[in-house]
């Protein structure tokens, strides 16, 4: 049985969900971002208790098909941008469509209808958040970050970064270093 969890976007969330499952005595085969694979089925009471415990952690079980699909799209994008080492070798639209088994236009329309933004804009927002993290880690050059995030050039990354944050990547990095007292590092 597969259960879908809203707002489950980090490795820490996975650990919390595993802990709740163990506390409730629910046997599972895997816990991935946004998805719990339960061995067999669970009772109505277990489902309710699981949802209550997840709500206390800021997570939520999903029931309706649209919500499940939206969370699947979001989770896939977050995994792709924040956790995969290599960008997909095909366009994001093809990648998402193939992974979920739906026509991309259908997915895009539902996503926009429910979230109020396009999938493409959601991808851009996540890429910029990831770029911020990578800039703060100070381990990769801007060229390496642009490659890692599948940008065609540093200029393209810089333009999107400035459009979203209002700052250039270099200025963002300098500002963050001043705030943390690492400007001489």
N, C-alpha and C. Protein backbone atom coordinates (compact mmCIF):
# COMPACT_ATOMS: atom_id res chain seq x y z
N UNK A 1 0.85 -1.18 0.00
CA UNK A 1 0.00 0.00 0.00
C UNK A 1 0.89 1.24 0.00
N UNK A 2 0.52 2.19 -0.81
CA UNK A 2 1.31 3.42 -0.93
C UNK A 2 0.55 4.58 -0.30
N UNK A 3 1.24 5.33 0.56
CA UNK A 3 0.67 6.53 1.18
C UNK A 3 1.49 7.73 0.73
N UNK A 4 0.82 8.83 0.51
CA UNK A 4 1.50 10.05 0.05
C UNK A 4 1.47 11.09 1.15
N UNK A 5 2.61 11.76 1.35
CA UNK A 5 2.76 12.70 2.44
C UNK A 5 3.10 14.08 1.88
N UNK A 6 2.32 15.06 2.29
CA UNK A 6 2.53 16.44 1.87
C UNK A 6 3.59 17.10 2.75
N UNK A 7 4.40 17.96 2.13
CA UNK A 7 5.45 18.75 2.79
C UNK A 7 6.66 17.92 3.21
N UNK A 8 6.78 16.70 2.74
CA UNK A 8 7.91 15.84 3.08
C UNK A 8 9.01 16.09 2.06
N UNK A 9 9.93 17.00 2.36
CA UNK A 9 10.88 17.45 1.35
C UNK A 9 12.35 17.33 1.76
N UNK A 10 12.64 16.68 2.86
CA UNK A 10 14.04 16.59 3.26
C UNK A 10 14.34 15.22 3.86
N UNK A 11 15.60 14.95 4.01
CA UNK A 11 16.01 13.69 4.63
C UNK A 11 15.59 13.65 6.10
N UNK A 12 15.57 14.81 6.72
CA UNK A 12 15.11 14.90 8.12
C UNK A 12 13.64 14.50 8.23
N UNK A 13 12.82 14.92 7.26
CA UNK A 13 11.40 14.53 7.23
C UNK A 13 11.27 13.01 7.15
N UNK A 14 12.11 12.39 6.31
CA UNK A 14 12.07 10.93 6.17
C UNK A 14 12.34 10.25 7.51
N UNK A 15 13.32 10.77 8.24
CA UNK A 15 13.65 10.20 9.55
C UNK A 15 12.50 10.35 10.53
N UNK A 16 11.84 11.50 10.52
CA UNK A 16 10.71 11.74 11.41
C UNK A 16 9.55 10.80 11.08
N UNK A 17 9.29 10.60 9.78
CA UNK A 17 8.21 9.71 9.35
C UNK A 17 8.51 8.27 9.77
N UNK A 18 9.76 7.84 9.58
CA UNK A 18 10.14 6.50 9.99
C UNK A 18 9.93 6.30 11.49
N UNK A 19 10.25 7.33 12.27
CA UNK A 19 10.07 7.27 13.72
C UNK A 19 8.58 7.13 14.08
N UNK A 20 7.72 7.89 13.41
CA UNK A 20 6.27 7.82 13.67
C UNK A 20 5.75 6.43 13.29
N UNK A 21 6.18 5.92 12.15
CA UNK A 21 5.75 4.58 11.73
C UNK A 21 6.16 3.52 12.75
N UNK A 22 7.38 3.64 13.27
CA UNK A 22 7.86 2.69 14.27
C UNK A 22 7.04 2.80 15.56
N UNK A 23 6.75 4.04 15.99
CA UNK A 23 5.95 4.25 17.21
C UNK A 23 4.56 3.62 17.08
N UNK A 24 3.99 3.69 15.88
CA UNK A 24 2.64 3.17 15.66
C UNK A 24 2.64 1.68 15.29
N UNK A 25 3.83 1.12 15.15
CA UNK A 25 3.92 -0.30 14.81
C UNK A 25 3.47 -0.62 13.39
N UNK A 26 3.63 0.34 12.49
CA UNK A 26 3.24 0.15 11.09
C UNK A 26 4.46 -0.34 10.32
N UNK A 27 4.33 -1.53 9.72
CA UNK A 27 5.43 -2.10 8.94
C UNK A 27 5.47 -1.45 7.57
N UNK A 28 6.67 -1.05 7.16
CA UNK A 28 6.83 -0.40 5.86
C UNK A 28 8.06 -0.96 5.17
N UNK A 29 8.06 -0.88 3.84
CA UNK A 29 9.23 -1.35 3.10
C UNK A 29 10.13 -0.20 2.71
N UNK A 30 9.56 1.00 2.52
CA UNK A 30 10.40 2.15 2.19
C UNK A 30 9.70 3.46 2.53
N UNK A 31 10.54 4.46 2.80
CA UNK A 31 10.07 5.82 3.01
C UNK A 31 10.93 6.70 2.10
N UNK A 32 10.32 7.29 1.11
CA UNK A 32 11.00 8.20 0.20
C UNK A 32 10.36 9.57 0.36
N UNK A 33 10.93 10.59 -0.27
CA UNK A 33 10.35 11.92 -0.16
C UNK A 33 8.93 11.89 -0.71
N UNK A 34 7.96 12.13 0.15
CA UNK A 34 6.56 12.21 -0.26
C UNK A 34 5.83 10.90 -0.35
N UNK A 35 6.50 9.76 -0.17
CA UNK A 35 5.84 8.47 -0.36
C UNK A 35 6.28 7.46 0.72
N UNK A 36 5.27 6.78 1.29
CA UNK A 36 5.54 5.68 2.22
C UNK A 36 5.00 4.42 1.56
N UNK A 37 5.83 3.40 1.50
CA UNK A 37 5.42 2.10 0.97
C UNK A 37 5.18 1.20 2.18
N UNK A 38 3.88 0.96 2.49
CA UNK A 38 3.50 0.17 3.67
C UNK A 38 3.36 -1.29 3.25
N UNK A 39 3.84 -2.19 4.12
CA UNK A 39 3.67 -3.62 3.87
C UNK A 39 2.22 -3.99 4.20
N UNK A 40 1.49 -4.49 3.24
CA UNK A 40 0.09 -4.83 3.45
C UNK A 40 -0.77 -3.58 3.48
N UNK A 41 -1.73 -3.58 4.38
CA UNK A 41 -2.60 -2.40 4.51
C UNK A 41 -2.65 -1.99 5.97
N UNK A 42 -3.21 -0.82 6.22
CA UNK A 42 -3.34 -0.35 7.60
C UNK A 42 -4.82 -0.09 7.88
N UNK A 43 -5.19 -0.19 9.14
CA UNK A 43 -6.58 0.01 9.53
C UNK A 43 -6.94 1.50 9.46
N UNK A 44 -8.23 1.77 9.51
CA UNK A 44 -8.71 3.15 9.53
C UNK A 44 -8.14 3.90 10.73
N UNK A 45 -8.11 3.23 11.90
CA UNK A 45 -7.58 3.87 13.11
C UNK A 45 -6.09 4.18 12.97
N UNK A 46 -5.32 3.24 12.39
CA UNK A 46 -3.90 3.49 12.18
C UNK A 46 -3.69 4.66 11.22
N UNK A 47 -4.52 4.72 10.19
CA UNK A 47 -4.44 5.81 9.21
C UNK A 47 -4.69 7.15 9.90
N UNK A 48 -5.73 7.20 10.73
CA UNK A 48 -6.06 8.42 11.46
C UNK A 48 -4.94 8.82 12.42
N UNK A 49 -4.42 7.84 13.16
CA UNK A 49 -3.34 8.10 14.12
C UNK A 49 -2.08 8.58 13.40
N UNK A 50 -1.77 7.95 12.28
CA UNK A 50 -0.61 8.34 11.48
C UNK A 50 -0.76 9.78 11.01
N UNK A 51 -1.94 10.11 10.50
CA UNK A 51 -2.18 11.48 10.03
C UNK A 51 -2.06 12.48 11.17
N UNK A 52 -2.63 12.17 12.33
CA UNK A 52 -2.54 13.07 13.49
C UNK A 52 -1.08 13.30 13.90
N UNK A 53 -0.31 12.22 13.97
CA UNK A 53 1.10 12.35 14.35
C UNK A 53 1.90 13.13 13.31
N UNK A 54 1.61 12.92 12.04
CA UNK A 54 2.31 13.65 10.98
C UNK A 54 1.95 15.14 11.03
N UNK A 55 0.68 15.44 11.30
CA UNK A 55 0.25 16.84 11.39
C UNK A 55 1.03 17.58 12.48
N UNK A 56 1.32 16.91 13.58
CA UNK A 56 2.10 17.51 14.66
C UNK A 56 3.51 17.87 14.21
N UNK A 57 3.98 17.17 13.17
CA UNK A 57 5.32 17.43 12.64
C UNK A 57 5.30 18.38 11.45
N UNK A 58 4.09 18.88 11.11
CA UNK A 58 3.98 19.78 9.96
C UNK A 58 3.83 19.04 8.64
N UNK A 59 3.54 17.75 8.71
CA UNK A 59 3.33 16.93 7.52
C UNK A 59 1.87 16.52 7.45
N UNK A 60 1.46 15.94 6.33
CA UNK A 60 0.04 15.60 6.18
C UNK A 60 -0.12 14.49 5.15
N UNK A 61 -0.98 13.51 5.49
CA UNK A 61 -1.31 12.46 4.51
C UNK A 61 -2.24 13.04 3.46
N UNK A 62 -2.03 12.65 2.22
CA UNK A 62 -2.86 13.13 1.12
C UNK A 62 -3.86 12.05 0.71
N UNK A 63 -5.05 12.48 0.33
CA UNK A 63 -6.06 11.52 -0.09
C UNK A 63 -6.54 11.74 -1.52
N UNK A 64 -6.76 12.99 -1.93
CA UNK A 64 -7.32 13.17 -3.27
C UNK A 64 -6.26 13.08 -4.36
N UNK A 65 -6.65 12.60 -5.53
CA UNK A 65 -5.71 12.29 -6.61
C UNK A 65 -4.95 13.52 -7.11
N UNK A 66 -5.61 14.67 -7.19
CA UNK A 66 -4.93 15.88 -7.66
C UNK A 66 -3.80 16.27 -6.69
N UNK A 67 -4.10 16.23 -5.40
CA UNK A 67 -3.09 16.58 -4.40
C UNK A 67 -1.91 15.63 -4.45
N UNK A 68 -2.20 14.35 -4.63
CA UNK A 68 -1.15 13.34 -4.72
C UNK A 68 -0.27 13.63 -5.93
N UNK A 69 -0.89 13.95 -7.06
CA UNK A 69 -0.15 14.23 -8.28
C UNK A 69 0.71 15.49 -8.13
N UNK A 70 0.15 16.54 -7.54
CA UNK A 70 0.90 17.78 -7.32
C UNK A 70 2.10 17.52 -6.42
N UNK A 71 1.90 16.79 -5.34
CA UNK A 71 3.01 16.48 -4.44
C UNK A 71 4.06 15.62 -5.12
N UNK A 72 3.62 14.72 -5.99
CA UNK A 72 4.58 13.89 -6.74
C UNK A 72 5.44 14.77 -7.64
N UNK A 73 4.82 15.74 -8.30
CA UNK A 73 5.57 16.66 -9.16
C UNK A 73 6.57 17.46 -8.33
N UNK A 74 6.09 18.04 -7.23
CA UNK A 74 6.96 18.85 -6.38
C UNK A 74 8.12 18.03 -5.82
N UNK A 75 7.83 16.83 -5.34
CA UNK A 75 8.85 15.97 -4.77
C UNK A 75 9.89 15.60 -5.82
N UNK A 76 9.43 15.27 -7.02
CA UNK A 76 10.35 14.90 -8.10
C UNK A 76 11.28 16.07 -8.44
N UNK A 77 10.73 17.26 -8.50
CA UNK A 77 11.54 18.45 -8.81
C UNK A 77 12.55 18.71 -7.70
N UNK A 78 12.11 18.62 -6.47
CA UNK A 78 13.00 18.86 -5.33
C UNK A 78 14.12 17.83 -5.30
N UNK A 79 13.79 16.55 -5.51
CA UNK A 79 14.82 15.52 -5.55
C UNK A 79 15.80 15.77 -6.69
N UNK A 80 15.26 16.11 -7.86
CA UNK A 80 16.06 16.32 -9.05
C UNK A 80 17.05 17.48 -8.85
N UNK A 81 16.60 18.55 -8.24
CA UNK A 81 17.43 19.75 -8.11
C UNK A 81 18.32 19.72 -6.86
N UNK A 82 17.78 19.24 -5.76
CA UNK A 82 18.52 19.32 -4.51
C UNK A 82 19.34 18.07 -4.17
N UNK A 83 18.97 16.91 -4.71
CA UNK A 83 19.62 15.68 -4.27
C UNK A 83 20.33 14.89 -5.37
N UNK A 84 19.93 15.06 -6.64
CA UNK A 84 20.61 14.36 -7.73
C UNK A 84 21.92 15.06 -8.07
N UNK A 85 22.96 14.28 -8.29
CA UNK A 85 24.26 14.85 -8.60
C UNK A 85 24.35 15.36 -10.04
N UNK A 86 23.67 14.69 -10.95
CA UNK A 86 23.70 15.08 -12.36
C UNK A 86 22.32 15.52 -12.80
N UNK A 87 22.23 16.59 -13.60
CA UNK A 87 20.93 17.00 -14.12
C UNK A 87 20.42 15.97 -15.12
N UNK A 88 19.09 15.90 -15.33
CA UNK A 88 18.57 14.95 -16.32
C UNK A 88 19.13 15.26 -17.71
N UNK A 89 19.25 14.22 -18.52
CA UNK A 89 19.81 14.40 -19.87
C UNK A 89 18.74 14.82 -20.87
N UNK A 90 17.48 14.86 -20.45
CA UNK A 90 16.37 15.31 -21.30
C UNK A 90 15.75 16.55 -20.68
N UNK A 91 14.89 17.23 -21.42
CA UNK A 91 14.18 18.40 -20.88
C UNK A 91 13.40 18.00 -19.62
N UNK A 92 13.25 18.96 -18.72
CA UNK A 92 12.50 18.70 -17.49
C UNK A 92 11.09 18.21 -17.80
N UNK A 93 10.45 18.79 -18.80
CA UNK A 93 9.08 18.39 -19.14
C UNK A 93 9.02 16.92 -19.54
N UNK A 94 9.97 16.47 -20.34
CA UNK A 94 10.02 15.07 -20.77
C UNK A 94 10.32 14.18 -19.56
N UNK A 95 11.26 14.59 -18.75
CA UNK A 95 11.66 13.83 -17.56
C UNK A 95 10.46 13.63 -16.62
N UNK A 96 9.76 14.71 -16.30
CA UNK A 96 8.62 14.65 -15.39
C UNK A 96 7.51 13.80 -15.99
N UNK A 97 7.21 14.02 -17.24
CA UNK A 97 6.16 13.28 -17.94
C UNK A 97 6.47 11.77 -17.94
N UNK A 98 7.70 11.41 -18.27
CA UNK A 98 8.09 9.99 -18.31
C UNK A 98 8.04 9.36 -16.93
N UNK A 99 8.54 10.07 -15.93
CA UNK A 99 8.57 9.53 -14.57
C UNK A 99 7.17 9.28 -14.00
N UNK A 100 6.25 10.20 -14.29
CA UNK A 100 4.90 10.09 -13.72
C UNK A 100 3.92 9.38 -14.64
N UNK A 101 4.28 9.22 -15.89
CA UNK A 101 3.41 8.51 -16.81
C UNK A 101 2.18 9.29 -17.26
N UNK A 102 2.29 10.60 -17.26
CA UNK A 102 1.20 11.47 -17.71
C UNK A 102 1.72 12.42 -18.77
N UNK A 103 0.81 12.90 -19.61
CA UNK A 103 1.15 13.92 -20.59
C UNK A 103 1.56 15.19 -19.84
N UNK A 104 2.63 15.84 -20.28
CA UNK A 104 3.14 17.01 -19.58
C UNK A 104 2.13 18.15 -19.55
N UNK A 105 1.39 18.34 -20.64
CA UNK A 105 0.39 19.42 -20.68
C UNK A 105 -0.65 19.22 -19.58
N UNK A 106 -1.08 18.00 -19.39
CA UNK A 106 -2.05 17.67 -18.33
C UNK A 106 -1.45 18.00 -16.96
N UNK A 107 -0.21 17.56 -16.73
CA UNK A 107 0.45 17.83 -15.46
C UNK A 107 0.61 19.33 -15.22
N UNK A 108 1.04 20.03 -16.27
CA UNK A 108 1.27 21.48 -16.17
C UNK A 108 -0.03 22.22 -15.85
N UNK A 109 -1.11 21.82 -16.49
CA UNK A 109 -2.41 22.48 -16.25
C UNK A 109 -2.90 22.27 -14.83
N UNK A 110 -2.81 21.04 -14.34
CA UNK A 110 -3.23 20.76 -12.96
C UNK A 110 -2.36 21.50 -11.96
N UNK A 111 -1.06 21.47 -12.18
CA UNK A 111 -0.12 22.14 -11.28
C UNK A 111 -0.43 23.63 -11.20
N UNK A 112 -0.59 24.27 -12.35
CA UNK A 112 -0.87 25.71 -12.39
C UNK A 112 -2.21 26.03 -11.72
N UNK A 113 -3.19 25.19 -11.98
CA UNK A 113 -4.53 25.40 -11.41
C UNK A 113 -4.49 25.34 -9.89
N UNK A 114 -3.78 24.36 -9.34
CA UNK A 114 -3.76 24.15 -7.90
C UNK A 114 -2.76 25.07 -7.20
N UNK A 115 -1.54 25.21 -7.74
CA UNK A 115 -0.48 25.96 -7.07
C UNK A 115 -0.44 27.45 -7.43
N UNK A 116 -1.02 27.82 -8.56
CA UNK A 116 -1.03 29.23 -8.95
C UNK A 116 0.27 29.68 -9.62
N UNK A 117 1.18 28.74 -9.87
CA UNK A 117 2.41 29.03 -10.62
C UNK A 117 2.65 27.86 -11.59
N UNK A 118 3.47 28.09 -12.58
CA UNK A 118 3.77 27.02 -13.53
C UNK A 118 4.81 26.07 -12.96
N UNK A 119 4.88 24.88 -13.52
CA UNK A 119 5.92 23.94 -13.13
C UNK A 119 7.29 24.56 -13.41
N UNK A 120 7.41 25.22 -14.55
CA UNK A 120 8.69 25.83 -14.92
C UNK A 120 9.13 26.86 -13.88
N UNK A 121 8.18 27.68 -13.40
CA UNK A 121 8.53 28.68 -12.39
C UNK A 121 8.92 27.99 -11.07
N UNK A 122 8.23 26.91 -10.73
CA UNK A 122 8.57 26.15 -9.52
C UNK A 122 9.99 25.58 -9.64
N UNK A 123 10.34 25.10 -10.83
CA UNK A 123 11.69 24.59 -11.08
C UNK A 123 12.72 25.71 -10.91
N UNK A 124 12.43 26.86 -11.49
CA UNK A 124 13.36 28.00 -11.39
C UNK A 124 13.55 28.41 -9.92
N UNK A 125 12.46 28.51 -9.18
CA UNK A 125 12.57 28.88 -7.76
C UNK A 125 13.45 27.90 -7.00
N UNK A 126 13.29 26.61 -7.28
CA UNK A 126 14.10 25.60 -6.60
C UNK A 126 15.55 25.64 -7.05
N UNK A 127 15.77 25.91 -8.32
CA UNK A 127 17.15 26.02 -8.81
C UNK A 127 17.86 27.21 -8.16
N UNK A 128 17.15 28.30 -7.98
CA UNK A 128 17.75 29.49 -7.34
C UNK A 128 18.02 29.20 -5.86
N UNK A 129 17.11 28.51 -5.19
CA UNK A 129 17.35 28.15 -3.79
C UNK A 129 18.57 27.25 -3.68
N UNK A 130 18.69 26.31 -4.62
CA UNK A 130 19.85 25.42 -4.61
C UNK A 130 21.14 26.20 -4.90
N UNK A 131 21.04 27.14 -5.84
CA UNK A 131 22.21 27.98 -6.15
C UNK A 131 22.64 28.77 -4.91
N UNK A 132 21.69 29.27 -4.15
CA UNK A 132 22.02 30.00 -2.91
C UNK A 132 22.78 29.09 -1.95
N UNK A 133 22.27 27.86 -1.76
CA UNK A 133 22.95 26.91 -0.88
C UNK A 133 24.37 26.66 -1.34
N UNK A 134 24.52 26.41 -2.64
CA UNK A 134 25.85 26.10 -3.17
C UNK A 134 26.79 27.29 -3.07
N UNK A 135 26.27 28.49 -3.23
CA UNK A 135 27.09 29.69 -3.06
C UNK A 135 27.55 29.82 -1.61
N UNK A 136 26.66 29.52 -0.69
CA UNK A 136 27.01 29.63 0.73
C UNK A 136 28.02 28.57 1.15
N UNK A 137 27.95 27.37 0.55
CA UNK A 137 28.92 26.32 0.87
C UNK A 137 30.31 26.71 0.41
N UNK A 138 30.38 27.55 -0.62
CA UNK A 138 31.65 28.08 -1.12
C UNK A 138 32.61 26.98 -1.60
N UNK A 139 32.05 25.88 -2.12
CA UNK A 139 32.88 24.78 -2.61
C UNK A 139 32.97 24.73 -4.12
N UNK A 140 31.99 25.35 -4.80
CA UNK A 140 31.95 25.31 -6.26
C UNK A 140 32.02 26.72 -6.83
N UNK A 141 32.61 26.83 -8.01
CA UNK A 141 32.62 28.12 -8.69
C UNK A 141 31.25 28.36 -9.31
N UNK A 142 31.00 29.58 -9.74
CA UNK A 142 29.73 29.91 -10.38
C UNK A 142 29.55 29.09 -11.66
N UNK A 143 30.62 28.84 -12.36
CA UNK A 143 30.56 28.02 -13.58
C UNK A 143 30.13 26.60 -13.23
N UNK A 144 30.71 26.03 -12.16
CA UNK A 144 30.34 24.68 -11.74
C UNK A 144 28.90 24.62 -11.25
N UNK A 145 28.46 25.66 -10.55
CA UNK A 145 27.07 25.71 -10.09
C UNK A 145 26.12 25.78 -11.29
N UNK A 146 26.45 26.60 -12.27
CA UNK A 146 25.57 26.70 -13.44
C UNK A 146 25.48 25.37 -14.17
N UNK A 147 26.58 24.64 -14.27
CA UNK A 147 26.56 23.31 -14.90
C UNK A 147 25.72 22.34 -14.07
N UNK A 148 25.97 22.32 -12.77
CA UNK A 148 25.27 21.40 -11.86
C UNK A 148 23.76 21.61 -11.92
N UNK A 149 23.34 22.85 -12.10
CA UNK A 149 21.91 23.17 -12.12
C UNK A 149 21.33 23.21 -13.54
N UNK A 150 22.12 22.75 -14.50
CA UNK A 150 21.67 22.59 -15.88
C UNK A 150 21.34 23.92 -16.58
N UNK A 151 22.11 24.95 -16.27
CA UNK A 151 21.98 26.22 -16.98
C UNK A 151 22.87 26.20 -18.20
N UNK A 152 22.46 26.90 -19.24
CA UNK A 152 23.24 26.93 -20.48
C UNK A 152 24.52 27.75 -20.32
N UNK A 153 24.52 28.69 -19.35
CA UNK A 153 25.70 29.53 -19.13
C UNK A 153 25.62 30.19 -17.76
N UNK A 154 26.74 30.73 -17.33
CA UNK A 154 26.78 31.49 -16.08
C UNK A 154 25.89 32.73 -16.20
N UNK A 155 25.88 33.33 -17.38
CA UNK A 155 25.06 34.53 -17.61
C UNK A 155 23.58 34.22 -17.42
N UNK A 156 23.14 33.05 -17.89
CA UNK A 156 21.74 32.66 -17.74
C UNK A 156 21.39 32.47 -16.26
N UNK A 157 22.26 31.76 -15.53
CA UNK A 157 22.06 31.58 -14.09
C UNK A 157 22.03 32.93 -13.39
N UNK A 158 22.98 33.79 -13.70
CA UNK A 158 23.05 35.11 -13.06
C UNK A 158 21.81 35.94 -13.32
N UNK A 159 21.32 35.89 -14.56
CA UNK A 159 20.12 36.67 -14.91
C UNK A 159 18.90 36.16 -14.15
N UNK A 160 18.72 34.83 -14.09
CA UNK A 160 17.58 34.30 -13.33
C UNK A 160 17.74 34.56 -11.84
N UNK A 161 18.94 34.43 -11.33
CA UNK A 161 19.21 34.67 -9.91
C UNK A 161 18.82 36.10 -9.55
N UNK A 162 19.25 37.05 -10.39
CA UNK A 162 18.94 38.45 -10.11
C UNK A 162 17.45 38.73 -10.24
N UNK A 163 16.80 38.11 -11.21
CA UNK A 163 15.36 38.30 -11.41
C UNK A 163 14.56 37.81 -10.19
N UNK A 164 14.98 36.69 -9.61
CA UNK A 164 14.27 36.10 -8.47
C UNK A 164 14.63 36.78 -7.15
N UNK A 165 15.92 37.04 -6.92
CA UNK A 165 16.36 37.54 -5.61
C UNK A 165 16.57 39.05 -5.57
N UNK A 166 16.77 39.64 -6.75
CA UNK A 166 17.10 41.06 -6.80
C UNK A 166 18.59 41.32 -6.61
N UNK A 167 19.38 40.26 -6.47
CA UNK A 167 20.82 40.38 -6.25
C UNK A 167 21.57 39.54 -7.27
N UNK A 168 22.78 39.93 -7.57
CA UNK A 168 23.63 39.07 -8.39
C UNK A 168 24.15 37.95 -7.48
N UNK A 169 24.53 36.81 -8.06
CA UNK A 169 25.09 35.73 -7.23
C UNK A 169 26.31 36.17 -6.42
N UNK A 170 27.17 36.95 -7.05
CA UNK A 170 28.38 37.42 -6.36
C UNK A 170 28.04 38.32 -5.18
N UNK A 171 27.10 39.24 -5.39
CA UNK A 171 26.70 40.14 -4.31
C UNK A 171 26.01 39.35 -3.20
N UNK A 172 25.17 38.38 -3.56
CA UNK A 172 24.50 37.53 -2.58
C UNK A 172 25.54 36.82 -1.70
N UNK A 173 26.55 36.26 -2.34
CA UNK A 173 27.59 35.53 -1.62
C UNK A 173 28.36 36.46 -0.68
N UNK A 174 28.72 37.64 -1.18
CA UNK A 174 29.45 38.62 -0.37
C UNK A 174 28.60 39.06 0.83
N UNK A 175 27.32 39.33 0.59
CA UNK A 175 26.41 39.75 1.65
C UNK A 175 26.27 38.65 2.71
N UNK A 176 26.12 37.43 2.27
CA UNK A 176 25.98 36.30 3.20
C UNK A 176 27.26 36.12 4.02
N UNK A 177 28.40 36.29 3.39
CA UNK A 177 29.67 36.15 4.12
C UNK A 177 29.82 37.24 5.18
N UNK A 178 29.40 38.47 4.84
CA UNK A 178 29.46 39.55 5.83
C UNK A 178 28.56 39.25 7.02
N UNK A 179 27.37 38.72 6.73
CA UNK A 179 26.42 38.42 7.81
C UNK A 179 26.93 37.34 8.73
N UNK A 180 27.70 36.41 8.19
CA UNK A 180 28.21 35.31 9.03
C UNK A 180 29.61 35.57 9.53
N UNK A 181 30.18 36.70 9.14
CA UNK A 181 31.53 37.06 9.59
C UNK A 181 32.63 36.27 8.89
N UNK A 182 32.33 35.78 7.69
CA UNK A 182 33.31 34.96 6.96
C UNK A 182 33.92 35.69 5.79
N UNK A 183 33.85 37.01 5.77
CA UNK A 183 34.33 37.73 4.60
C UNK A 183 35.82 37.57 4.36
N UNK A 184 36.60 37.18 5.36
CA UNK A 184 38.03 37.01 5.18
C UNK A 184 38.44 35.56 4.90
N UNK A 185 37.44 34.68 4.77
CA UNK A 185 37.72 33.27 4.55
C UNK A 185 37.95 32.99 3.10
